PDB file of all heavy atoms in Angstrom:
ATOM      1  N   GLY A   1       0.833  -1.188   0.000  1.00  0.00           N
ATOM      2  CA  GLY A   1       0.000   0.000   0.000  1.00  0.00           C
ATOM      3  C   GLY A   1       0.873   1.245   0.000  1.00  0.00           C
ATOM      4  O   GLY A   1       1.733   1.435  -0.860  1.00  0.00           O
ATOM      5  N   LEU A   2       0.660   2.103   0.995  1.00  0.00           N
ATOM      6  CA  LEU A   2       1.450   3.327   1.127  1.00  0.00           C
ATOM      7  C   LEU A   2       2.701   3.118   1.957  1.00  0.00           C
ATOM      8  O   LEU A   2       3.506   4.031   2.105  1.00  0.00           O
ATOM      9  CB  LEU A   2       0.592   4.436   1.766  1.00  0.00           C
ATOM     10  CG  LEU A   2      -0.658   4.857   0.991  1.00  0.00           C
ATOM     11  CD1 LEU A   2      -1.436   5.895   1.779  1.00  0.00           C
ATOM     12  CD2 LEU A   2      -0.283   5.412  -0.377  1.00  0.00           C
ATOM     13  N   ASP A   3       2.870   1.916   2.517  1.00  0.00           N
ATOM     14  CA  ASP A   3       3.990   1.642   3.418  1.00  0.00           C
ATOM     15  C   ASP A   3       5.112   0.919   2.680  1.00  0.00           C
ATOM     16  O   ASP A   3       4.865   0.129   1.763  1.00  0.00           O
ATOM     17  CB  ASP A   3       3.525   0.801   4.606  1.00  0.00           C
ATOM     18  CG  ASP A   3       2.429   1.485   5.400  1.00  0.00           C
ATOM     19  OD1 ASP A   3       2.684   2.589   5.904  1.00  0.00           O
ATOM     20  OD2 ASP A   3       1.328   0.929   5.498  1.00  0.00           O
ATOM     21  N   GLU A   4       6.345   1.188   3.124  1.00  0.00           N
ATOM     22  CA  GLU A   4       7.527   0.580   2.519  1.00  0.00           C
ATOM     23  C   GLU A   4       8.394  -0.011   3.618  1.00  0.00           C
ATOM     24  O   GLU A   4       8.612   0.626   4.649  1.00  0.00           O
ATOM     25  CB  GLU A   4       8.299   1.621   1.715  1.00  0.00           C
ATOM     26  CG  GLU A   4       9.459   1.046   0.919  1.00  0.00           C
ATOM     27  CD  GLU A   4      10.149   2.110   0.084  1.00  0.00           C
ATOM     28  OE1 GLU A   4       9.662   3.255   0.067  1.00  0.00           O
ATOM     29  OE2 GLU A   4      11.177   1.796  -0.545  1.00  0.00           O
ATOM     30  N   PHE A   5       8.913  -1.230   3.390  1.00  0.00           N
ATOM     31  CA  PHE A   5       9.685  -1.945   4.405  1.00  0.00           C
ATOM     32  C   PHE A   5      10.970  -2.491   3.788  1.00  0.00           C
ATOM     33  O   PHE A   5      11.037  -2.751   2.582  1.00  0.00           O
ATOM     34  CB  PHE A   5       8.876  -3.120   4.985  1.00  0.00           C
ATOM     35  CG  PHE A   5       7.613  -2.724   5.682  1.00  0.00           C
ATOM     36  CD1 PHE A   5       6.436  -2.542   4.965  1.00  0.00           C
ATOM     37  CD2 PHE A   5       7.590  -2.526   7.057  1.00  0.00           C
ATOM     38  CE1 PHE A   5       5.259  -2.185   5.601  1.00  0.00           C
ATOM     39  CE2 PHE A   5       6.418  -2.176   7.705  1.00  0.00           C
ATOM     40  CZ  PHE A   5       5.257  -1.994   6.977  1.00  0.00           C
ATOM     41  N   ASP A   6      11.983  -2.683   4.643  1.00  0.00           N
ATOM     42  CA  ASP A   6      13.180  -3.391   4.224  1.00  0.00           C
ATOM     43  C   ASP A   6      13.682  -4.256   5.374  1.00  0.00           C
ATOM     44  O   ASP A   6      13.185  -4.175   6.493  1.00  0.00           O
ATOM     45  CB  ASP A   6      14.271  -2.429   3.731  1.00  0.00           C
ATOM     46  CG  ASP A   6      14.858  -1.588   4.854  1.00  0.00           C
ATOM     47  OD1 ASP A   6      14.427  -1.740   6.024  1.00  0.00           O
ATOM     48  OD2 ASP A   6      15.750  -0.768   4.584  1.00  0.00           O
ATOM     49  N   SER A   7      14.663  -5.121   5.084  1.00  0.00           N
ATOM     50  CA  SER A   7      15.203  -6.032   6.083  1.00  0.00           C
ATOM     51  C   SER A   7      16.704  -6.126   5.910  1.00  0.00           C
ATOM     52  O   SER A   7      17.216  -6.088   4.782  1.00  0.00           O
ATOM     53  CB  SER A   7      14.568  -7.423   5.943  1.00  0.00           C
ATOM     54  OG  SER A   7      15.157  -8.334   6.854  1.00  0.00           O
ATOM     55  N   ALA A   8      17.427  -6.259   7.032  1.00  0.00           N
ATOM     56  CA  ALA A   8      18.882  -6.374   6.995  1.00  0.00           C
ATOM     57  C   ALA A   8      19.285  -7.807   6.666  1.00  0.00           C
ATOM     58  O   ALA A   8      18.526  -8.755   6.905  1.00  0.00           O
ATOM     59  CB  ALA A   8      19.468  -5.952   8.346  1.00  0.00           C
ATOM     60  N   PRO A   9      20.482  -8.031   6.111  1.00  0.00           N
ATOM     61  CA  PRO A   9      20.962  -9.398   5.845  1.00  0.00           C
ATOM     62  C   PRO A   9      21.060 -10.201   7.147  1.00  0.00           C
ATOM     63  O   PRO A   9      21.283  -9.646   8.219  1.00  0.00           O
ATOM     64  CB  PRO A   9      22.350  -9.168   5.227  1.00  0.00           C
ATOM     65  CG  PRO A   9      22.329  -7.771   4.718  1.00  0.00           C
ATOM     66  CD  PRO A   9      21.434  -7.008   5.644  1.00  0.00           C
ATOM     67  N   PHE A  10      20.915 -11.532   7.047  1.00  0.00           N
ATOM     68  CA  PHE A  10      21.010 -12.381   8.231  1.00  0.00           C
ATOM     69  C   PHE A  10      21.554 -13.749   7.843  1.00  0.00           C
ATOM     70  O   PHE A  10      21.547 -14.142   6.662  1.00  0.00           O
ATOM     71  CB  PHE A  10      19.648 -12.514   8.934  1.00  0.00           C
ATOM     72  CG  PHE A  10      18.544 -13.056   8.072  1.00  0.00           C
ATOM     73  CD1 PHE A  10      18.214 -14.403   8.095  1.00  0.00           C
ATOM     74  CD2 PHE A  10      17.816 -12.205   7.241  1.00  0.00           C
ATOM     75  CE1 PHE A  10      17.186 -14.902   7.303  1.00  0.00           C
ATOM     76  CE2 PHE A  10      16.787 -12.694   6.443  1.00  0.00           C
ATOM     77  CZ  PHE A  10      16.477 -14.046   6.478  1.00  0.00           C
ATOM     78  N   LEU A  11      22.054 -14.475   8.845  1.00  0.00           N
ATOM     79  CA  LEU A  11      22.667 -15.787   8.645  1.00  0.00           C
ATOM     80  C   LEU A  11      21.778 -16.888   9.223  1.00  0.00           C
ATOM     81  O   LEU A  11      21.152 -16.690  10.271  1.00  0.00           O
ATOM     82  CB  LEU A  11      24.049 -15.847   9.300  1.00  0.00           C
ATOM     83  CG  LEU A  11      25.153 -15.002   8.658  1.00  0.00           C
ATOM     84  CD1 LEU A  11      26.374 -14.940   9.573  1.00  0.00           C
ATOM     85  CD2 LEU A  11      25.541 -15.575   7.302  1.00  0.00           C
ATOM     86  N   VAL A  12      21.753 -18.035   8.557  1.00  0.00           N
ATOM     87  CA  VAL A  12      20.997 -19.199   9.024  1.00  0.00           C
ATOM     88  C   VAL A  12      21.903 -20.422   8.906  1.00  0.00           C
ATOM     89  O   VAL A  12      22.515 -20.648   7.849  1.00  0.00           O
ATOM     90  CB  VAL A  12      19.706 -19.420   8.210  1.00  0.00           C
ATOM     91  CG1 VAL A  12      18.995 -20.676   8.694  1.00  0.00           C
ATOM     92  CG2 VAL A  12      18.795 -18.213   8.321  1.00  0.00           C
ATOM     93  N   LYS A  13      21.953 -21.212   9.970  1.00  0.00           N
ATOM     94  CA  LYS A  13      22.769 -22.426   9.978  1.00  0.00           C
ATOM     95  C   LYS A  13      21.865 -23.652   9.936  1.00  0.00           C
ATOM     96  O   LYS A  13      20.840 -23.708  10.615  1.00  0.00           O
ATOM     97  CB  LYS A  13      23.646 -22.475  11.228  1.00  0.00           C
ATOM     98  CG  LYS A  13      24.611 -23.647  11.277  1.00  0.00           C
ATOM     99  CD  LYS A  13      25.456 -23.600  12.539  1.00  0.00           C
ATOM    100  CE  LYS A  13      26.424 -24.777  12.612  1.00  0.00           C
ATOM    101  NZ  LYS A  13      27.231 -24.756  13.855  1.00  0.00           N
ATOM    102  N   ILE A  14      22.246 -24.628   9.129  1.00  0.00           N
ATOM    103  CA  ILE A  14      21.536 -25.907   9.057  1.00  0.00           C
ATOM    104  C   ILE A  14      22.504 -27.028   9.446  1.00  0.00           C
ATOM    105  O   ILE A  14      23.543 -27.190   8.809  1.00  0.00           O
ATOM    106  CB  ILE A  14      20.985 -26.158   7.647  1.00  0.00           C
ATOM    107  CG1 ILE A  14      19.909 -25.128   7.303  1.00  0.00           C
ATOM    108  CG2 ILE A  14      20.398 -27.559   7.545  1.00  0.00           C
ATOM    109  CD1 ILE A  14      19.339 -25.286   5.912  1.00  0.00           C
ATOM    110  N   PRO A  15      22.169 -27.774  10.509  1.00  0.00           N
ATOM    111  CA  PRO A  15      21.009 -27.595  11.396  1.00  0.00           C
ATOM    112  C   PRO A  15      21.249 -26.454  12.383  1.00  0.00           C
ATOM    113  O   PRO A  15      22.385 -26.123  12.702  1.00  0.00           O
ATOM    114  CB  PRO A  15      20.918 -28.940  12.098  1.00  0.00           C
ATOM    115  CG  PRO A  15      22.342 -29.404  12.178  1.00  0.00           C
ATOM    116  CD  PRO A  15      22.995 -28.948  10.907  1.00  0.00           C
ATOM    117  N   SER A  16      20.142 -25.874  12.872  1.00  0.00           N
ATOM    118  CA  SER A  16      20.216 -24.833  13.891  1.00  0.00           C
ATOM    119  C   SER A  16      19.874 -25.426  15.249  1.00  0.00           C
ATOM    120  O   SER A  16      18.961 -26.253  15.364  1.00  0.00           O
ATOM    121  CB  SER A  16      19.238 -23.696  13.571  1.00  0.00           C
ATOM    122  OG  SER A  16      19.677 -22.955  12.453  1.00  0.00           O
ATOM    123  N   GLU A  17      20.609 -25.004  16.240  1.00  0.00           N
ATOM    124  CA  GLU A  17      20.369 -25.501  17.600  1.00  0.00           C
ATOM    125  C   GLU A  17      19.227 -24.718  18.229  1.00  0.00           C
ATOM    126  O   GLU A  17      19.316 -23.503  18.432  1.00  0.00           O
ATOM    127  CB  GLU A  17      21.632 -25.373  18.441  1.00  0.00           C
ATOM    128  CG  GLU A  17      21.525 -26.040  19.809  1.00  0.00           C
ATOM    129  CD  GLU A  17      22.842 -26.035  20.563  1.00  0.00           C
ATOM    130  OE1 GLU A  17      23.845 -25.543  20.008  1.00  0.00           O
ATOM    131  OE2 GLU A  17      22.855 -26.536  21.711  1.00  0.00           O
ATOM    132  N   VAL A  18      18.144 -25.405  18.508  1.00  0.00           N
ATOM    133  CA  VAL A  18      16.964 -24.801  19.126  1.00  0.00           C
ATOM    134  C   VAL A  18      16.723 -25.515  20.442  1.00  0.00           C
ATOM    135  O   VAL A  18      16.313 -26.674  20.478  1.00  0.00           O
ATOM    136  CB  VAL A  18      15.721 -24.917  18.212  1.00  0.00           C
ATOM    137  CG1 VAL A  18      14.523 -24.254  18.888  1.00  0.00           C
ATOM    138  CG2 VAL A  18      15.990 -24.295  16.861  1.00  0.00           C
ATOM    139  N   GLY A  19      17.006 -24.806  21.537  1.00  0.00           N
ATOM    140  CA  GLY A  19      16.927 -25.457  22.834  1.00  0.00           C
ATOM    141  C   GLY A  19      18.031 -26.490  22.954  1.00  0.00           C
ATOM    142  O   GLY A  19      19.215 -26.184  22.840  1.00  0.00           O
ATOM    143  N   GLU A  20      17.651 -27.731  23.136  1.00  0.00           N
ATOM    144  CA  GLU A  20      18.625 -28.821  23.221  1.00  0.00           C
ATOM    145  C   GLU A  20      18.563 -29.725  21.985  1.00  0.00           C
ATOM    146  O   GLU A  20      19.124 -30.810  21.978  1.00  0.00           O
ATOM    147  CB  GLU A  20      18.365 -29.649  24.485  1.00  0.00           C
ATOM    148  CG  GLU A  20      18.542 -28.868  25.778  1.00  0.00           C
ATOM    149  CD  GLU A  20      18.283 -29.718  27.003  1.00  0.00           C
ATOM    150  OE1 GLU A  20      17.862 -30.869  26.824  1.00  0.00           O
ATOM    151  OE2 GLU A  20      18.503 -29.221  28.124  1.00  0.00           O
ATOM    152  N   LYS A  21      17.887 -29.256  20.932  1.00  0.00           N
ATOM    153  CA  LYS A  21      17.742 -30.055  19.721  1.00  0.00           C
ATOM    154  C   LYS A  21      18.392 -29.346  18.536  1.00  0.00           C
ATOM    155  O   LYS A  21      18.576 -28.129  18.542  1.00  0.00           O
ATOM    156  CB  LYS A  21      16.256 -30.304  19.421  1.00  0.00           C
ATOM    157  CG  LYS A  21      15.527 -31.116  20.473  1.00  0.00           C
ATOM    158  CD  LYS A  21      14.074 -31.327  20.067  1.00  0.00           C
ATOM    159  CE  LYS A  21      13.328 -32.163  21.094  1.00  0.00           C
ATOM    160  NZ  LYS A  21      11.902 -32.373  20.701  1.00  0.00           N
ATOM    161  N   PHE A  22      18.718 -30.111  17.513  1.00  0.00           N
ATOM    162  CA  PHE A  22      19.215 -29.583  16.258  1.00  0.00           C
ATOM    163  C   PHE A  22      18.120 -29.729  15.209  1.00  0.00           C
ATOM    164  O   PHE A  22      17.709 -30.841  14.873  1.00  0.00           O
ATOM    165  CB  PHE A  22      20.484 -30.320  15.828  1.00  0.00           C
ATOM    166  CG  PHE A  22      21.691 -29.955  16.652  1.00  0.00           C
ATOM    167  CD1 PHE A  22      22.033 -30.702  17.769  1.00  0.00           C
ATOM    168  CD2 PHE A  22      22.464 -28.857  16.318  1.00  0.00           C
ATOM    169  CE1 PHE A  22      23.135 -30.371  18.535  1.00  0.00           C
ATOM    170  CE2 PHE A  22      23.580 -28.509  17.071  1.00  0.00           C
ATOM    171  CZ  PHE A  22      23.915 -29.258  18.191  1.00  0.00           C
ATOM    172  N   GLU A  23      17.639 -28.585  14.735  1.00  0.00           N
ATOM    173  CA  GLU A  23      16.525 -28.566  13.785  1.00  0.00           C
ATOM    174  C   GLU A  23      17.060 -28.394  12.361  1.00  0.00           C
ATOM    175  O   GLU A  23      17.847 -27.485  12.091  1.00  0.00           O
ATOM    176  CB  GLU A  23      15.559 -27.428  14.119  1.00  0.00           C
ATOM    177  CG  GLU A  23      14.879 -27.548  15.480  1.00  0.00           C
ATOM    178  CD  GLU A  23      13.862 -28.669  15.519  1.00  0.00           C
ATOM    179  OE1 GLU A  23      13.483 -29.160  14.431  1.00  0.00           O
ATOM    180  OE2 GLU A  23      13.444 -29.046  16.630  1.00  0.00           O
ATOM    181  N   TYR A  24      16.593 -29.262  11.461  1.00  0.00           N
ATOM    182  CA  TYR A  24      16.959 -29.150  10.049  1.00  0.00           C
ATOM    183  C   TYR A  24      15.939 -28.331   9.264  1.00  0.00           C
ATOM    184  O   TYR A  24      16.257 -27.842   8.187  1.00  0.00           O
ATOM    185  CB  TYR A  24      17.111 -30.546   9.437  1.00  0.00           C
ATOM    186  CG  TYR A  24      18.440 -31.190   9.758  1.00  0.00           C
ATOM    187  CD1 TYR A  24      18.646 -31.817  10.977  1.00  0.00           C
ATOM    188  CD2 TYR A  24      19.488 -31.162   8.843  1.00  0.00           C
ATOM    189  CE1 TYR A  24      19.859 -32.415  11.282  1.00  0.00           C
ATOM    190  CE2 TYR A  24      20.710 -31.751   9.141  1.00  0.00           C
ATOM    191  CZ  TYR A  24      20.899 -32.368  10.363  1.00  0.00           C
ATOM    192  OH  TYR A  24      22.109 -32.939  10.664  1.00  0.00           O
ATOM    193  N   ASP A  25      14.721 -28.242   9.775  1.00  0.00           N
ATOM    194  CA  ASP A  25      13.709 -27.369   9.173  1.00  0.00           C
ATOM    195  C   ASP A  25      13.666 -26.091  10.012  1.00  0.00           C
ATOM    196  O   ASP A  25      13.085 -26.058  11.100  1.00  0.00           O
ATOM    197  CB  ASP A  25      12.344 -28.044   9.155  1.00  0.00           C
ATOM    198  CG  ASP A  25      12.333 -29.262   8.241  1.00  0.00           C
ATOM    199  OD1 ASP A  25      13.035 -29.228   7.212  1.00  0.00           O
ATOM    200  OD2 ASP A  25      11.638 -30.245   8.565  1.00  0.00           O
ATOM    201  N   VAL A  26      14.290 -25.036   9.492  1.00  0.00           N
ATOM    202  CA  VAL A  26      14.504 -23.816  10.262  1.00  0.00           C
ATOM    203  C   VAL A  26      13.480 -22.764   9.837  1.00  0.00           C
ATOM    204  O   VAL A  26      13.379 -22.421   8.646  1.00  0.00           O
ATOM    205  CB  VAL A  26      15.930 -23.272  10.062  1.00  0.00           C
ATOM    206  CG1 VAL A  26      16.168 -22.049  10.950  1.00  0.00           C
ATOM    207  CG2 VAL A  26      16.960 -24.354  10.372  1.00  0.00           C
ATOM    208  N   ASP A  27      12.706 -22.268  10.798  1.00  0.00           N
ATOM    209  CA  ASP A  27      11.746 -21.189  10.555  1.00  0.00           C
ATOM    210  C   ASP A  27      12.369 -19.859  10.981  1.00  0.00           C
ATOM    211  O   ASP A  27      12.846 -19.732  12.108  1.00  0.00           O
ATOM    212  CB  ASP A  27      10.455 -21.417  11.347  1.00  0.00           C
ATOM    213  CG  ASP A  27       9.740 -22.692  10.922  1.00  0.00           C
ATOM    214  OD1 ASP A  27       9.768 -22.999   9.709  1.00  0.00           O
ATOM    215  OD2 ASP A  27       9.174 -23.380  11.794  1.00  0.00           O
ATOM    216  N   VAL A  28      12.342 -18.884  10.092  1.00  0.00           N
ATOM    217  CA  VAL A  28      12.911 -17.564  10.393  1.00  0.00           C
ATOM    218  C   VAL A  28      11.874 -16.489  10.100  1.00  0.00           C
ATOM    219  O   VAL A  28      11.064 -16.617   9.168  1.00  0.00           O
ATOM    220  CB  VAL A  28      14.197 -17.302   9.585  1.00  0.00           C
ATOM    221  CG1 VAL A  28      15.300 -18.242  10.011  1.00  0.00           C
ATOM    222  CG2 VAL A  28      13.956 -17.409   8.088  1.00  0.00           C
ATOM    223  N   GLU A  29      11.897 -15.438  10.899  1.00  0.00           N
ATOM    224  CA  GLU A  29      11.043 -14.267  10.709  1.00  0.00           C
ATOM    225  C   GLU A  29      11.945 -13.040  10.645  1.00  0.00           C
ATOM    226  O   GLU A  29      12.269 -12.447  11.673  1.00  0.00           O
ATOM    227  CB  GLU A  29      10.025 -14.136  11.848  1.00  0.00           C
ATOM    228  CG  GLU A  29       9.037 -15.292  11.909  1.00  0.00           C
ATOM    229  CD  GLU A  29       8.031 -15.133  13.038  1.00  0.00           C
ATOM    230  OE1 GLU A  29       8.130 -14.128  13.782  1.00  0.00           O
ATOM    231  OE2 GLU A  29       7.165 -16.007  13.182  1.00  0.00           O
ATOM    232  N   PRO A  30      12.359 -12.644   9.455  1.00  0.00           N
ATOM    233  CA  PRO A  30      13.243 -11.480   9.340  1.00  0.00           C
ATOM    234  C   PRO A  30      12.595 -10.235   9.921  1.00  0.00           C
ATOM    235  O   PRO A  30      11.384 -10.023   9.787  1.00  0.00           O
ATOM    236  CB  PRO A  30      13.452 -11.342   7.827  1.00  0.00           C
ATOM    237  CG  PRO A  30      13.085 -12.674   7.267  1.00  0.00           C
ATOM    238  CD  PRO A  30      12.036 -13.236   8.156  1.00  0.00           C
ATOM    239  N   LYS A  31      13.407  -9.424  10.578  1.00  0.00           N
ATOM    240  CA  LYS A  31      12.902  -8.177  11.157  1.00  0.00           C
ATOM    241  C   LYS A  31      12.709  -7.150  10.050  1.00  0.00           C
ATOM    242  O   LYS A  31      13.659  -6.722   9.395  1.00  0.00           O
ATOM    243  CB  LYS A  31      13.879  -7.646  12.207  1.00  0.00           C
ATOM    244  CG  LYS A  31      13.385  -6.389  12.920  1.00  0.00           C
ATOM    245  CD  LYS A  31      14.369  -5.949  13.986  1.00  0.00           C
ATOM    246  CE  LYS A  31      13.862  -4.697  14.697  1.00  0.00           C
ATOM    247  NZ  LYS A  31      14.835  -4.243  15.728  1.00  0.00           N
ATOM    248  N   ALA A  32      11.449  -6.761   9.828  1.00  0.00           N
ATOM    249  CA  ALA A  32      11.126  -5.795   8.780  1.00  0.00           C
ATOM    250  C   ALA A  32      11.140  -4.385   9.373  1.00  0.00           C
ATOM    251  O   ALA A  32      10.466  -4.106  10.362  1.00  0.00           O
ATOM    252  CB  ALA A  32       9.753  -6.090   8.175  1.00  0.00           C
ATOM    253  N   ARG A  33      11.921  -3.497   8.767  1.00  0.00           N
ATOM    254  CA  ARG A  33      12.005  -2.106   9.225  1.00  0.00           C
ATOM    255  C   ARG A  33      11.069  -1.252   8.381  1.00  0.00           C
ATOM    256  O   ARG A  33      11.089  -1.296   7.161  1.00  0.00           O
ATOM    257  CB  ARG A  33      13.439  -1.593   9.100  1.00  0.00           C
ATOM    258  CG  ARG A  33      13.649  -0.185   9.651  1.00  0.00           C
ATOM    259  CD  ARG A  33      15.127   0.159   9.639  1.00  0.00           C
ATOM    260  NE  ARG A  33      15.628   0.264   8.271  1.00  0.00           N
ATOM    261  CZ  ARG A  33      15.750   1.414   7.609  1.00  0.00           C
ATOM    262  NH1 ARG A  33      15.404   2.555   8.177  1.00  0.00           N
ATOM    263  NH2 ARG A  33      16.226   1.438   6.377  1.00  0.00           N
ATOM    264  N   TRP A  34      10.217  -0.461   9.081  1.00  0.00           N
ATOM    265  CA  TRP A  34       9.265   0.419   8.384  1.00  0.00           C
ATOM    266  C   TRP A  34      10.028   1.618   7.854  1.00  0.00           C
ATOM    267  O   TRP A  34      10.536   2.443   8.612  1.00  0.00           O
ATOM    268  CB  TRP A  34       8.154   0.843   9.342  1.00  0.00           C
ATOM    269  CG  TRP A  34       7.060   1.640   8.706  1.00  0.00           C
ATOM    270  CD1 TRP A  34       6.530   1.482   7.471  1.00  0.00           C
ATOM    271  CD2 TRP A  34       6.344   2.716   9.307  1.00  0.00           C
ATOM    272  NE1 TRP A  34       5.528   2.389   7.244  1.00  0.00           N
ATOM    273  CE2 TRP A  34       5.389   3.155   8.358  1.00  0.00           C
ATOM    274  CE3 TRP A  34       6.407   3.349  10.540  1.00  0.00           C
ATOM    275  CZ2 TRP A  34       4.520   4.204   8.615  1.00  0.00           C
ATOM    276  CZ3 TRP A  34       5.531   4.386  10.798  1.00  0.00           C
ATOM    277  CH2 TRP A  34       4.595   4.808   9.852  1.00  0.00           C
ATOM    278  N   VAL A  35      10.148   1.724   6.534  1.00  0.00           N
ATOM    279  CA  VAL A  35      10.943   2.788   5.931  1.00  0.00           C
ATOM    280  C   VAL A  35      10.152   4.082   5.837  1.00  0.00           C
ATOM    281  O   VAL A  35      10.613   5.142   6.258  1.00  0.00           O
ATOM    282  CB  VAL A  35      11.437   2.349   4.534  1.00  0.00           C
ATOM    283  CG1 VAL A  35      12.230   3.471   3.877  1.00  0.00           C
ATOM    284  CG2 VAL A  35      12.296   1.103   4.654  1.00  0.00           C
ATOM    285  N   SER A  36       8.946   4.031   5.276  1.00  0.00           N
ATOM    286  CA  SER A  36       8.188   5.271   5.077  1.00  0.00           C
ATOM    287  C   SER A  36       6.718   4.957   4.874  1.00  0.00           C
ATOM    288  O   SER A  36       6.318   3.818   4.643  1.00  0.00           O
ATOM    289  CB  SER A  36       8.719   6.051   3.867  1.00  0.00           C
ATOM    290  OG  SER A  36       8.494   5.307   2.685  1.00  0.00           O
ATOM    291  N   HIS A  37       5.939   6.038   4.965  1.00  0.00           N
ATOM    292  CA  HIS A  37       4.496   5.985   4.699  1.00  0.00           C
ATOM    293  C   HIS A  37       4.203   7.057   3.660  1.00  0.00           C
ATOM    294  O   HIS A  37       4.082   8.237   3.976  1.00  0.00           O
ATOM    295  CB  HIS A  37       3.701   6.233   5.971  1.00  0.00           C
ATOM    296  CG  HIS A  37       2.212   6.305   5.758  1.00  0.00           C
ATOM    297  ND1 HIS A  37       1.422   5.189   5.638  1.00  0.00           N
ATOM    298  CD2 HIS A  37       1.382   7.364   5.628  1.00  0.00           C
ATOM    299  CE1 HIS A  37       0.169   5.558   5.454  1.00  0.00           C
ATOM    300  NE2 HIS A  37       0.128   6.875   5.435  1.00  0.00           N
ATOM    301  N   ASP A  38       4.145   6.651   2.381  1.00  0.00           N
ATOM    302  CA  ASP A  38       3.941   7.576   1.273  1.00  0.00           C
ATOM    303  C   ASP A  38       4.988   8.688   1.317  1.00  0.00           C
ATOM    304  O   ASP A  38       4.670   9.868   1.188  1.00  0.00           O
ATOM    305  CB  ASP A  38       2.528   8.157   1.306  1.00  0.00           C
ATOM    306  CG  ASP A  38       2.188   8.870  -0.007  1.00  0.00           C
ATOM    307  OD1 ASP A  38       2.829   8.577  -1.035  1.00  0.00           O
ATOM    308  OD2 ASP A  38       1.280   9.720   0.015  1.00  0.00           O
ATOM    309  N   GLY A  39       6.202   8.339   1.523  1.00  0.00           N
ATOM    310  CA  GLY A  39       7.286   9.310   1.582  1.00  0.00           C
ATOM    311  C   GLY A  39       7.881   9.364   2.956  1.00  0.00           C
ATOM    312  O   GLY A  39       8.913   8.778   3.218  1.00  0.00           O
ATOM    313  N   GLU A  40       7.218  10.034   3.893  1.00  0.00           N
ATOM    314  CA  GLU A  40       7.699  10.157   5.258  1.00  0.00           C
ATOM    315  C   GLU A  40       6.527   9.995   6.217  1.00  0.00           C
ATOM    316  O   GLU A  40       5.442  10.512   5.966  1.00  0.00           O
ATOM    317  CB  GLU A  40       8.363  11.521   5.494  1.00  0.00           C
ATOM    318  CG  GLU A  40       9.707  11.688   4.785  1.00  0.00           C
ATOM    319  CD  GLU A  40      10.760  10.748   5.314  1.00  0.00           C
ATOM    320  OE1 GLU A  40      10.657  10.338   6.481  1.00  0.00           O
ATOM    321  OE2 GLU A  40      11.689  10.405   4.559  1.00  0.00           O
ATOM    322  N   PRO A  41       6.722   9.276   7.346  1.00  0.00           N
ATOM    323  CA  PRO A  41       5.643   9.161   8.334  1.00  0.00           C
ATOM    324  C   PRO A  41       5.297  10.516   8.925  1.00  0.00           C
ATOM    325  O   PRO A  41       6.166  11.369   9.095  1.00  0.00           O
ATOM    326  CB  PRO A  41       6.234   8.229   9.394  1.00  0.00           C
ATOM    327  CG  PRO A  41       7.388   7.556   8.731  1.00  0.00           C
ATOM    328  CD  PRO A  41       7.899   8.502   7.705  1.00  0.00           C
ATOM    329  N   VAL A  42       4.014  10.724   9.219  1.00  0.00           N
ATOM    330  CA  VAL A  42       3.559  11.963   9.843  1.00  0.00           C
ATOM    331  C   VAL A  42       3.433  11.730  11.331  1.00  0.00           C
ATOM    332  O   VAL A  42       2.774  10.794  11.761  1.00  0.00           O
ATOM    333  CB  VAL A  42       2.203  12.418   9.250  1.00  0.00           C
ATOM    334  CG1 VAL A  42       1.716  13.664   9.949  1.00  0.00           C
ATOM    335  CG2 VAL A  42       2.351  12.667   7.763  1.00  0.00           C
ATOM    336  N   GLY A  43       4.091  12.574  12.133  1.00  0.00           N
ATOM    337  CA  GLY A  43       4.069  12.410  13.579  1.00  0.00           C
ATOM    338  C   GLY A  43       2.702  12.706  14.150  1.00  0.00           C
ATOM    339  O   GLY A  43       1.872  13.378  13.525  1.00  0.00           O
ATOM    340  N   PRO A  44       2.408  12.233  15.384  1.00  0.00           N
ATOM    341  CA  PRO A  44       1.075  12.412  15.958  1.00  0.00           C
ATOM    342  C   PRO A  44       0.751  13.865  16.264  1.00  0.00           C
ATOM    343  O   PRO A  44      -0.399  14.243  16.254  1.00  0.00           O
ATOM    344  CB  PRO A  44       1.139  11.583  17.256  1.00  0.00           C
ATOM    345  CG  PRO A  44       2.593  11.470  17.566  1.00  0.00           C
ATOM    346  CD  PRO A  44       3.300  11.452  16.233  1.00  0.00           C
ATOM    347  N   ASP A  45       1.762  14.704  16.520  1.00  0.00           N
ATOM    348  CA  ASP A  45       1.514  16.100  16.877  1.00  0.00           C
ATOM    349  C   ASP A  45       1.750  17.038  15.710  1.00  0.00           C
ATOM    350  O   ASP A  45       1.712  18.251  15.860  1.00  0.00           O
ATOM    351  CB  ASP A  45       2.410  16.520  18.043  1.00  0.00           C
ATOM    352  CG  ASP A  45       2.134  15.705  19.290  1.00  0.00           C
ATOM    353  OD1 ASP A  45       0.964  15.329  19.463  1.00  0.00           O
ATOM    354  OD2 ASP A  45       3.073  15.450  20.053  1.00  0.00           O
ATOM    355  N   GLU A  46       2.020  16.524  14.543  1.00  0.00           N
ATOM    356  CA  GLU A  46       2.327  17.354  13.391  1.00  0.00           C
ATOM    357  C   GLU A  46       1.169  17.329  12.419  1.00  0.00           C
ATOM    358  O   GLU A  46       0.748  16.260  11.976  1.00  0.00           O
ATOM    359  CB  GLU A  46       3.598  16.832  12.711  1.00  0.00           C
ATOM    360  CG  GLU A  46       4.011  17.645  11.496  1.00  0.00           C
ATOM    361  CD  GLU A  46       5.242  17.056  10.828  1.00  0.00           C
ATOM    362  OE1 GLU A  46       5.883  16.186  11.436  1.00  0.00           O
ATOM    363  OE2 GLU A  46       5.542  17.467   9.694  1.00  0.00           O
ATOM    364  N   PRO A  47       0.576  18.470  12.048  1.00  0.00           N
ATOM    365  CA  PRO A  47      -0.539  18.460  11.096  1.00  0.00           C
ATOM    366  C   PRO A  47      -0.063  18.012   9.730  1.00  0.00           C
ATOM    367  O   PRO A  47       1.079  18.247   9.334  1.00  0.00           O
ATOM    368  CB  PRO A  47      -1.003  19.929  11.080  1.00  0.00           C
ATOM    369  CG  PRO A  47       0.194  20.710  11.514  1.00  0.00           C
ATOM    370  CD  PRO A  47       0.933  19.819  12.484  1.00  0.00           C
ATOM    371  N   GLU A  48      -0.970  17.340   9.009  1.00  0.00           N
ATOM    372  CA  GLU A  48      -0.597  16.830   7.692  1.00  0.00           C
ATOM    373  C   GLU A  48      -0.393  17.965   6.707  1.00  0.00           C
ATOM    374  O   GLU A  48       0.465  17.905   5.837  1.00  0.00           O
ATOM    375  CB  GLU A  48      -1.673  15.880   7.181  1.00  0.00           C
ATOM    376  CG  GLU A  48      -1.789  14.590   7.989  1.00  0.00           C
ATOM    377  CD  GLU A  48      -2.721  13.611   7.326  1.00  0.00           C
ATOM    378  OE1 GLU A  48      -3.171  13.905   6.205  1.00  0.00           O
ATOM    379  OE2 GLU A  48      -3.005  12.567   7.924  1.00  0.00           O
TER     380      GLU A  48
END
């Protein structure tokens, strides 16, 4: 929509140690950074 996101590079190891187990099916959720809202976000105290 009007929002734009990006994500930083990241590393994944197979198998990955999860708790006391080694998982071969690795689930990852990259951290998405909110870049802008139709250009620049409008602050709560700033009139549009």
